[in-house]
C-alpha cells in the first residue's frame, strides 16, 4: 500500500500548522513545522524511489536518490542530506553495510537513517535498529513515513542553513 498522497478540497496551509488533517488541530508533522529539508532515498527499486519522491515532494522536501549502496554513500557524503531512507536488501552493498559506513564516518554519522525493508522478522528489525535510527517494514503507510521523517527533523537544525 504505497500510493502518492492525494488531497481533496483546498490545499491545507502548511505554514499555519494545518497539515493533512485539514486544520482540525490534530498533531501533524508536516514540512511546515520543520522547514525545507533534503531527503536521500537509497533503493534499487525505481518504482519505490519514484513513489517516495512524489510523496516527499508533495510535502515540500527536496529528494535526491541513489540506486545502490556505493552510490548512496557518495551522495550522502557529497550532498549531506537531512535524513536518509535506506532499503535493506540491495545487490552488492546492502543497506545494513551502508548504514554502518555512514554511522562510522564523522561527516555522515549524525544524519538520521530510516531503514525500509520487506524483512519483518523480529531479528531483522533488531539488527536494523542496531545500525540505524528507525526501521519501517514494507508495505508501509506513506503518511506514517512522512510523520516519522518530520519527527526526526523537528528539533534538528537544517544541515543546509549553515552554522
C-alpha atoms as a PDB file:
ATOM      1  CA  UNK A   1       0.000   0.000   0.000  1.00  0.00           C
ATOM      2  CA  UNK A   2       2.252   2.775  -1.247  1.00  0.00           C
ATOM      3  CA  UNK A   3       0.396   5.433  -3.177  1.00  0.00           C
ATOM      4  CA  UNK A   4       1.202   9.057  -3.744  1.00  0.00           C
ATOM      5  CA  UNK A   5      -0.770  11.147  -1.329  1.00  0.00           C
ATOM      6  CA  UNK A   6      -3.874  12.764  -2.698  1.00  0.00           C
ATOM      7  CA  UNK A   7      -5.718  15.711  -1.277  1.00  0.00           C
ATOM      8  CA  UNK A   8      -9.367  16.532  -1.686  1.00  0.00           C
ATOM      9  CA  UNK A   9     -10.633  20.065  -1.403  1.00  0.00           C
ATOM     10  CA  UNK A  10      -8.490  23.124  -0.879  1.00  0.00           C
ATOM     11  CA  UNK A  11      -4.834  22.571  -0.117  1.00  0.00           C
ATOM     12  CA  UNK A  12      -4.075  22.894   3.601  1.00  0.00           C
ATOM     13  CA  UNK A  13      -1.895  25.778   4.666  1.00  0.00           C
ATOM     14  CA  UNK A  14       1.287  24.147   5.927  1.00  0.00           C
ATOM     15  CA  UNK A  15       2.746  27.475   7.037  1.00  0.00           C
ATOM     16  CA  UNK A  16      -0.008  27.907   9.636  1.00  0.00           C
ATOM     17  CA  UNK A  17       0.468  24.422  11.004  1.00  0.00           C
ATOM     18  CA  UNK A  18      -2.529  22.872   9.263  1.00  0.00           C
ATOM     19  CA  UNK A  19      -1.409  19.580   7.877  1.00  0.00           C
ATOM     20  CA  UNK A  20      -3.066  16.626   6.296  1.00  0.00           C
ATOM     21  CA  UNK A  21      -5.876  16.818   8.817  1.00  0.00           C
ATOM     22  CA  UNK A  22      -7.208  19.935   7.027  1.00  0.00           C
ATOM     23  CA  UNK A  23      -6.638  22.196  10.013  1.00  0.00           C
ATOM     24  CA  UNK A  24      -8.668  20.290  12.587  1.00  0.00           C
ATOM     25  CA  UNK A  25      -5.982  20.795  15.203  1.00  0.00           C
ATOM     26  CA  UNK A  26      -4.745  17.204  15.289  1.00  0.00           C
ATOM     27  CA  UNK A  27      -0.967  16.998  15.589  1.00  0.00           C
ATOM     28  CA  UNK A  28       0.713  16.665  12.233  1.00  0.00           C
ATOM     29  CA  UNK A  29       4.425  16.567  11.491  1.00  0.00           C
ATOM     30  CA  UNK A  30       4.468  18.243   8.115  1.00  0.00           C
ATOM     31  CA  UNK A  31       7.126  20.229   6.334  1.00  0.00           C
ATOM     32  CA  UNK A  32       5.603  23.455   7.689  1.00  0.00           C
ATOM     33  CA  UNK A  33       6.911  22.564  11.125  1.00  0.00           C
ATOM     34  CA  UNK A  34      10.428  21.623  10.034  1.00  0.00           C
ATOM     35  CA  UNK A  35      11.304  23.863   7.086  1.00  0.00           C
ATOM     36  CA  UNK A  36      12.560  22.724   3.664  1.00  0.00           C
ATOM     37  CA  UNK A  37      14.749  19.639   4.041  1.00  0.00           C
ATOM     38  CA  UNK A  38      16.679  17.249   1.818  1.00  0.00           C
ATOM     39  CA  UNK A  39      15.959  13.517   1.927  1.00  0.00           C
ATOM     40  CA  UNK A  40      18.227  10.933   0.280  1.00  0.00           C
ATOM     41  CA  UNK A  41      16.425   7.771  -0.861  1.00  0.00           C
ATOM     42  CA  UNK A  42      18.737   4.801  -1.439  1.00  0.00           C
ATOM     43  CA  UNK A  43      16.836   1.943  -3.077  1.00  0.00           C
ATOM     44  CA  UNK A  44      17.426  -0.309  -6.077  1.00  0.00           C
ATOM     45  CA  UNK A  45      13.707  -0.391  -6.969  1.00  0.00           C
ATOM     46  CA  UNK A  46      12.938   2.594  -9.247  1.00  0.00           C
ATOM     47  CA  UNK A  47       9.200   2.321  -8.534  1.00  0.00           C
ATOM     48  CA  UNK A  48       9.738   2.721  -4.790  1.00  0.00           C
ATOM     49  CA  UNK A  49      12.151   5.597  -5.388  1.00  0.00           C
ATOM     50  CA  UNK A  50       9.634   7.412  -7.598  1.00  0.00           C
ATOM     51  CA  UNK A  51       6.734   6.885  -5.199  1.00  0.00           C
ATOM     52  CA  UNK A  52       8.781   8.134  -2.247  1.00  0.00           C
ATOM     53  CA  UNK A  53       9.965  11.092  -4.306  1.00  0.00           C
ATOM     54  CA  UNK A  54       6.404  12.065  -5.197  1.00  0.00           C
ATOM     55  CA  UNK A  55       5.202  11.763  -1.591  1.00  0.00           C
ATOM     56  CA  UNK A  56       8.084  13.771  -0.148  1.00  0.00           C
ATOM     57  CA  UNK A  57       7.950  16.456  -2.833  1.00  0.00           C
ATOM     58  CA  UNK A  58       4.222  16.924  -2.244  1.00  0.00           C
ATOM     59  CA  UNK A  59       5.174  17.811   1.330  1.00  0.00           C
ATOM     60  CA  UNK A  60       7.897  20.229   0.210  1.00  0.00           C
ATOM     61  CA  UNK A  61      11.005  18.120   0.731  1.00  0.00           C
ATOM     62  CA  UNK A  62      13.877  18.066  -1.743  1.00  0.00           C
ATOM     63  CA  UNK A  63      14.574  14.469  -2.766  1.00  0.00           C
ATOM     64  CA  UNK A  64      17.787  13.028  -4.122  1.00  0.00           C
ATOM     65  CA  UNK A  65      18.292   9.341  -4.817  1.00  0.00           C
ATOM     66  CA  UNK A  66      20.807   6.587  -5.351  1.00  0.00           C
ATOM     67  CA  UNK A  67      20.180   3.184  -6.928  1.00  0.00           C
ATOM     68  CA  UNK A  68      22.729   1.219  -4.874  1.00  0.00           C
ATOM     69  CA  UNK A  69      24.729   1.295  -1.666  1.00  0.00           C
ATOM     70  CA  UNK A  70      28.013   2.595  -3.082  1.00  0.00           C
ATOM     71  CA  UNK A  71      26.329   5.453  -4.932  1.00  0.00           C
ATOM     72  CA  UNK A  72      24.300   6.165  -1.798  1.00  0.00           C
ATOM     73  CA  UNK A  73      27.453   6.535   0.307  1.00  0.00           C
ATOM     74  CA  UNK A  74      28.868   9.009  -2.197  1.00  0.00           C
ATOM     75  CA  UNK A  75      25.631  11.024  -2.367  1.00  0.00           C
ATOM     76  CA  UNK A  76      25.384  11.144   1.429  1.00  0.00           C
ATOM     77  CA  UNK A  77      28.957  12.424   1.780  1.00  0.00           C
ATOM     78  CA  UNK A  78      28.707  14.909  -1.093  1.00  0.00           C
ATOM     79  CA  UNK A  79      25.160  16.237  -0.570  1.00  0.00           C
ATOM     80  CA  UNK A  80      24.825  15.988   3.240  1.00  0.00           C
ATOM     81  CA  UNK A  81      21.067  15.260   3.298  1.00  0.00           C
ATOM     82  CA  UNK A  82      18.996  15.949   6.407  1.00  0.00           C
ATOM     83  CA  UNK A  83      17.775  12.330   6.506  1.00  0.00           C
ATOM     84  CA  UNK A  84      18.301   9.071   4.625  1.00  0.00           C
ATOM     85  CA  UNK A  85      15.674   6.475   3.673  1.00  0.00           C
ATOM     86  CA  UNK A  86      17.607   3.273   3.047  1.00  0.00           C
ATOM     87  CA  UNK A  87      16.472  -0.059   1.611  1.00  0.00           C
ATOM     88  CA  UNK A  88      17.983  -3.094   3.336  1.00  0.00           C
ATOM     89  CA  UNK A  89      18.018  -5.633   0.507  1.00  0.00           C
ATOM     90  CA  UNK A  90      20.103  -4.336  -2.387  1.00  0.00           C
ATOM     91  CA  UNK A  91      22.635  -6.070  -4.616  1.00  0.00           C
ATOM     92  CA  UNK A  92      26.282  -5.510  -3.778  1.00  0.00           C
ATOM     93  CA  UNK A  93      26.459  -3.453  -0.609  1.00  0.00           C
ATOM     94  CA  UNK A  94      23.268  -3.992   1.405  1.00  0.00           C
ATOM     95  CA  UNK A  95      21.545  -1.335   3.492  1.00  0.00           C
ATOM     96  CA  UNK A  96      22.961  -2.571   6.802  1.00  0.00           C
ATOM     97  CA  UNK A  97      26.522  -2.180   5.491  1.00  0.00           C
ATOM     98  CA  UNK A  98      25.680   1.254   4.090  1.00  0.00           C
ATOM     99  CA  UNK A  99      24.237   2.333   7.459  1.00  0.00           C
ATOM    100  CA  UNK A 100      27.324   1.058   9.309  1.00  0.00           C
ATOM    101  CA  UNK A 101      29.587   3.013   6.945  1.00  0.00           C
ATOM    102  CA  UNK A 102      27.548   6.192   7.283  1.00  0.00           C
ATOM    103  CA  UNK A 103      27.363   5.986  11.082  1.00  0.00           C
ATOM    104  CA  UNK A 104      31.107   5.257  11.237  1.00  0.00           C
ATOM    105  CA  UNK A 105      32.161   8.325   9.250  1.00  0.00           C
ATOM    106  CA  UNK A 106      32.418  11.679  11.067  1.00  0.00           C
ATOM    107  CA  UNK A 107      30.889  13.645   8.158  1.00  0.00           C
ATOM    108  CA  UNK A 108      27.732  11.488   8.000  1.00  0.00           C
ATOM    109  CA  UNK A 109      27.326   9.943  11.472  1.00  0.00           C
ATOM    110  CA  UNK A 110      24.755  12.494  12.638  1.00  0.00           C
ATOM    111  CA  UNK A 111      22.414  12.019   9.643  1.00  0.00           C
ATOM    112  CA  UNK A 112      19.303  10.094  10.752  1.00  0.00           C
ATOM    113  CA  UNK A 113      18.746   6.845   8.836  1.00  0.00           C
ATOM    114  CA  UNK A 114      15.404   5.111   8.435  1.00  0.00           C
ATOM    115  CA  UNK A 115      15.695   1.582   7.094  1.00  0.00           C
ATOM    116  CA  UNK A 116      12.865   0.481   4.824  1.00  0.00           C
ATOM    117  CA  UNK A 117      12.571  -3.246   4.261  1.00  0.00           C
ATOM    118  CA  UNK A 118      10.320  -6.166   3.468  1.00  0.00           C
ATOM    119  CA  UNK A 119      12.285  -8.102   6.112  1.00  0.00           C
ATOM    120  CA  UNK A 120       9.848  -8.064   9.013  1.00  0.00           C
ATOM    121  CA  UNK A 121      11.143 -10.815  11.314  1.00  0.00           C
ATOM    122  CA  UNK A 122      11.960  -9.621  14.839  1.00  0.00           C
ATOM    123  CA  UNK A 123      15.658 -10.469  14.459  1.00  0.00           C
ATOM    124  CA  UNK A 124      15.851  -8.495  11.167  1.00  0.00           C
ATOM    125  CA  UNK A 125      14.251  -5.456  12.795  1.00  0.00           C
ATOM    126  CA  UNK A 126      16.577  -5.732  15.816  1.00  0.00           C
ATOM    127  CA  UNK A 127      19.649  -5.950  13.558  1.00  0.00           C
ATOM    128  CA  UNK A 128      18.455  -2.935  11.610  1.00  0.00           C
ATOM    129  CA  UNK A 129      17.888  -0.836  14.715  1.00  0.00           C
ATOM    130  CA  UNK A 130      21.451  -1.577  15.840  1.00  0.00           C
ATOM    131  CA  UNK A 131      22.805   0.398  12.870  1.00  0.00           C
ATOM    132  CA  UNK A 132      20.017   2.855  12.029  1.00  0.00           C
ATOM    133  CA  UNK A 133      17.705   5.273  13.811  1.00  0.00           C
ATOM    134  CA  UNK A 134      14.434   3.626  12.758  1.00  0.00           C
ATOM    135  CA  UNK A 135      13.130   0.606  10.851  1.00  0.00           C
ATOM    136  CA  UNK A 136       9.919   0.506   8.824  1.00  0.00           C
ATOM    137  CA  UNK A 137       8.623  -2.641   7.170  1.00  0.00           C
ATOM    138  CA  UNK A 138       7.098  -2.831   3.691  1.00  0.00           C
ATOM    139  CA  UNK A 139       4.318  -2.436   2.815  1.00  0.00           C
ATOM    140  CA  UNK A 140       4.050   0.817   4.722  1.00  0.00           C
ATOM    141  CA  UNK A 141       1.730   3.772   5.126  1.00  0.00           C
ATOM    142  CA  UNK A 142       3.185   6.858   3.385  1.00  0.00           C
ATOM    143  CA  UNK A 143       1.611   9.147   5.998  1.00  0.00           C
ATOM    144  CA  UNK A 144       3.334   7.232   8.787  1.00  0.00           C
ATOM    145  CA  UNK A 145       6.667   7.507   6.974  1.00  0.00           C
ATOM    146  CA  UNK A 146       6.192  11.251   6.475  1.00  0.00           C
ATOM    147  CA  UNK A 147       5.332  11.665  10.164  1.00  0.00           C
ATOM    148  CA  UNK A 148       8.404   9.710  11.260  1.00  0.00           C
ATOM    149  CA  UNK A 149      10.683  11.704   8.967  1.00  0.00           C
ATOM    150  CA  UNK A 150       9.257  15.005  10.209  1.00  0.00           C
ATOM    151  CA  UNK A 151       9.566  13.860  13.847  1.00  0.00           C
ATOM    152  CA  UNK A 152      13.264  13.106  13.324  1.00  0.00           C
ATOM    153  CA  UNK A 153      13.851  16.505  11.740  1.00  0.00           C
ATOM    154  CA  UNK A 154      11.670  18.558  14.058  1.00  0.00           C
ATOM    155  CA  UNK A 155      14.337  19.520  16.584  1.00  0.00           C
ATOM    156  CA  UNK A 156      17.364  19.255  14.303  1.00  0.00           C
ATOM    157  CA  UNK A 157      18.905  22.220  12.522  1.00  0.00           C
ATOM    158  CA  UNK A 158      18.663  22.180   8.756  1.00  0.00           C
ATOM    159  CA  UNK A 159      22.009  20.863   7.507  1.00  0.00           C
ATOM    160  CA  UNK A 160      21.882  23.381   4.629  1.00  0.00           C
ATOM    161  CA  UNK A 161      21.257  26.552   6.658  1.00  0.00           C
ATOM    162  CA  UNK A 162      24.920  26.839   7.697  1.00  0.00           C
ATOM    163  CA  UNK A 163      26.219  27.182  11.276  1.00  0.00           C
END
